[in-house]
Amino acid sequence: MVISNYYSNLPYKEKSRFISDVIELCDISYPSFFTKMKKDSWTKLEREAIERYIKKKNEKSS
């Protein structure tokens, strides 16, 4: 899954929540979040954590 695709499909209000959750989850800064998003340069552990987060969110909305 490409994280940036998931992010771009979120409604406006949910994007800020996603950003803050990922920043806390991965212990990264706000600018780092957007750099990693733009370059798709997530580490393996960050990517796994974010994909688990997305899966959990999708299960709740189903």
C-alpha atoms as a PDB file:
ATOM      1  CA  MET A   1       0.000   0.000   0.000  1.00  0.00           C
ATOM      2  CA  VAL A   2       1.216   3.462  -0.822  1.00  0.00           C
ATOM      3  CA  ILE A   3       0.703   5.633   2.226  1.00  0.00           C
ATOM      4  CA  SER A   4       0.449   8.833   0.205  1.00  0.00           C
ATOM      5  CA  ASN A   5      -2.507   7.381  -1.765  1.00  0.00           C
ATOM      6  CA  TYR A   6      -4.343   6.598   1.458  1.00  0.00           C
ATOM      7  CA  TYR A   7      -3.604  10.084   2.772  1.00  0.00           C
ATOM      8  CA  SER A   8      -4.751  11.847  -0.390  1.00  0.00           C
ATOM      9  CA  ASN A   9      -8.085   9.976  -0.310  1.00  0.00           C
ATOM     10  CA  LEU A  10      -8.878  11.042   3.248  1.00  0.00           C
ATOM     11  CA  PRO A  11     -11.446  13.781   3.861  1.00  0.00           C
ATOM     12  CA  TYR A  12      -9.915  17.112   4.889  1.00  0.00           C
ATOM     13  CA  LYS A  13     -10.749  16.777   8.609  1.00  0.00           C
ATOM     14  CA  GLU A  14      -9.278  13.294   8.857  1.00  0.00           C
ATOM     15  CA  LYS A  15      -5.957  14.307   7.287  1.00  0.00           C
ATOM     16  CA  SER A  16      -4.860  16.337  10.314  1.00  0.00           C
ATOM     17  CA  ARG A  17      -5.782  13.447  12.617  1.00  0.00           C
ATOM     18  CA  PHE A  18      -3.794  11.033  10.429  1.00  0.00           C
ATOM     19  CA  ILE A  19      -0.779  13.359  10.467  1.00  0.00           C
ATOM     20  CA  SER A  20      -0.786  13.733  14.241  1.00  0.00           C
ATOM     21  CA  ASP A  21      -1.304   9.993  14.794  1.00  0.00           C
ATOM     22  CA  VAL A  22       1.562   9.058  12.451  1.00  0.00           C
ATOM     23  CA  ILE A  23       3.863  11.670  13.992  1.00  0.00           C
ATOM     24  CA  GLU A  24       3.180  10.214  17.428  1.00  0.00           C
ATOM     25  CA  LEU A  25       3.309   6.606  16.227  1.00  0.00           C
ATOM     26  CA  CYS A  26       6.645   6.961  14.436  1.00  0.00           C
ATOM     27  CA  ASP A  27       8.119   9.604  16.755  1.00  0.00           C
ATOM     28  CA  ILE A  28       8.971  11.951  13.884  1.00  0.00           C
ATOM     29  CA  SER A  29       8.611  15.704  13.399  1.00  0.00           C
ATOM     30  CA  TYR A  30       5.962  17.448  11.322  1.00  0.00           C
ATOM     31  CA  PRO A  31       8.437  18.409   8.547  1.00  0.00           C
ATOM     32  CA  SER A  32       9.812  14.858   8.514  1.00  0.00           C
ATOM     33  CA  PHE A  33       6.308  13.518   7.990  1.00  0.00           C
ATOM     34  CA  PHE A  34       5.868  15.538   4.805  1.00  0.00           C
ATOM     35  CA  THR A  35       9.364  14.780   3.558  1.00  0.00           C
ATOM     36  CA  LYS A  36       8.784  11.062   4.010  1.00  0.00           C
ATOM     37  CA  MET A  37       5.346  11.377   2.438  1.00  0.00           C
ATOM     38  CA  LYS A  38       6.684  13.248  -0.595  1.00  0.00           C
ATOM     39  CA  LYS A  39       9.664  10.934  -1.171  1.00  0.00           C
ATOM     40  CA  ASP A  40       7.964   7.759   0.104  1.00  0.00           C
ATOM     41  CA  SER A  41      11.049   7.268   2.260  1.00  0.00           C
ATOM     42  CA  TRP A  42       9.509   5.495   5.237  1.00  0.00           C
ATOM     43  CA  THR A  43      11.692   3.020   7.088  1.00  0.00           C
ATOM     44  CA  LYS A  44      10.491  -0.564   7.152  1.00  0.00           C
ATOM     45  CA  LEU A  45       9.309  -0.259  10.765  1.00  0.00           C
ATOM     46  CA  GLU A  46       7.524   3.032  10.116  1.00  0.00           C
ATOM     47  CA  ARG A  47       5.788   1.604   7.065  1.00  0.00           C
ATOM     48  CA  GLU A  48       4.669  -1.497   8.993  1.00  0.00           C
ATOM     49  CA  ALA A  49       3.347   0.615  11.874  1.00  0.00           C
ATOM     50  CA  ILE A  50       1.450   2.950   9.542  1.00  0.00           C
ATOM     51  CA  GLU A  51      -0.027   0.058   7.569  1.00  0.00           C
ATOM     52  CA  ARG A  52      -1.243  -1.553  10.829  1.00  0.00           C
ATOM     53  CA  TYR A  53      -2.755   1.807  11.819  1.00  0.00           C
ATOM     54  CA  ILE A  54      -4.527   2.108   8.453  1.00  0.00           C
ATOM     55  CA  LYS A  55      -5.798  -1.469   8.648  1.00  0.00           C
ATOM     56  CA  LYS A  56      -7.156  -0.842  12.132  1.00  0.00           C
ATOM     57  CA  LYS A  57      -8.896   2.365  10.975  1.00  0.00           C
ATOM     58  CA  ASN A  58     -10.432   0.545   7.992  1.00  0.00           C
ATOM     59  CA  GLU A  59     -11.741  -2.234  10.231  1.00  0.00           C
ATOM     60  CA  LYS A  60     -13.408   0.293  12.539  1.00  0.00           C
ATOM     61  CA  SER A  61     -15.125   2.054   9.644  1.00  0.00           C
ATOM     62  CA  SER A  62     -16.465  -1.206   8.191  1.00  0.00           C
END
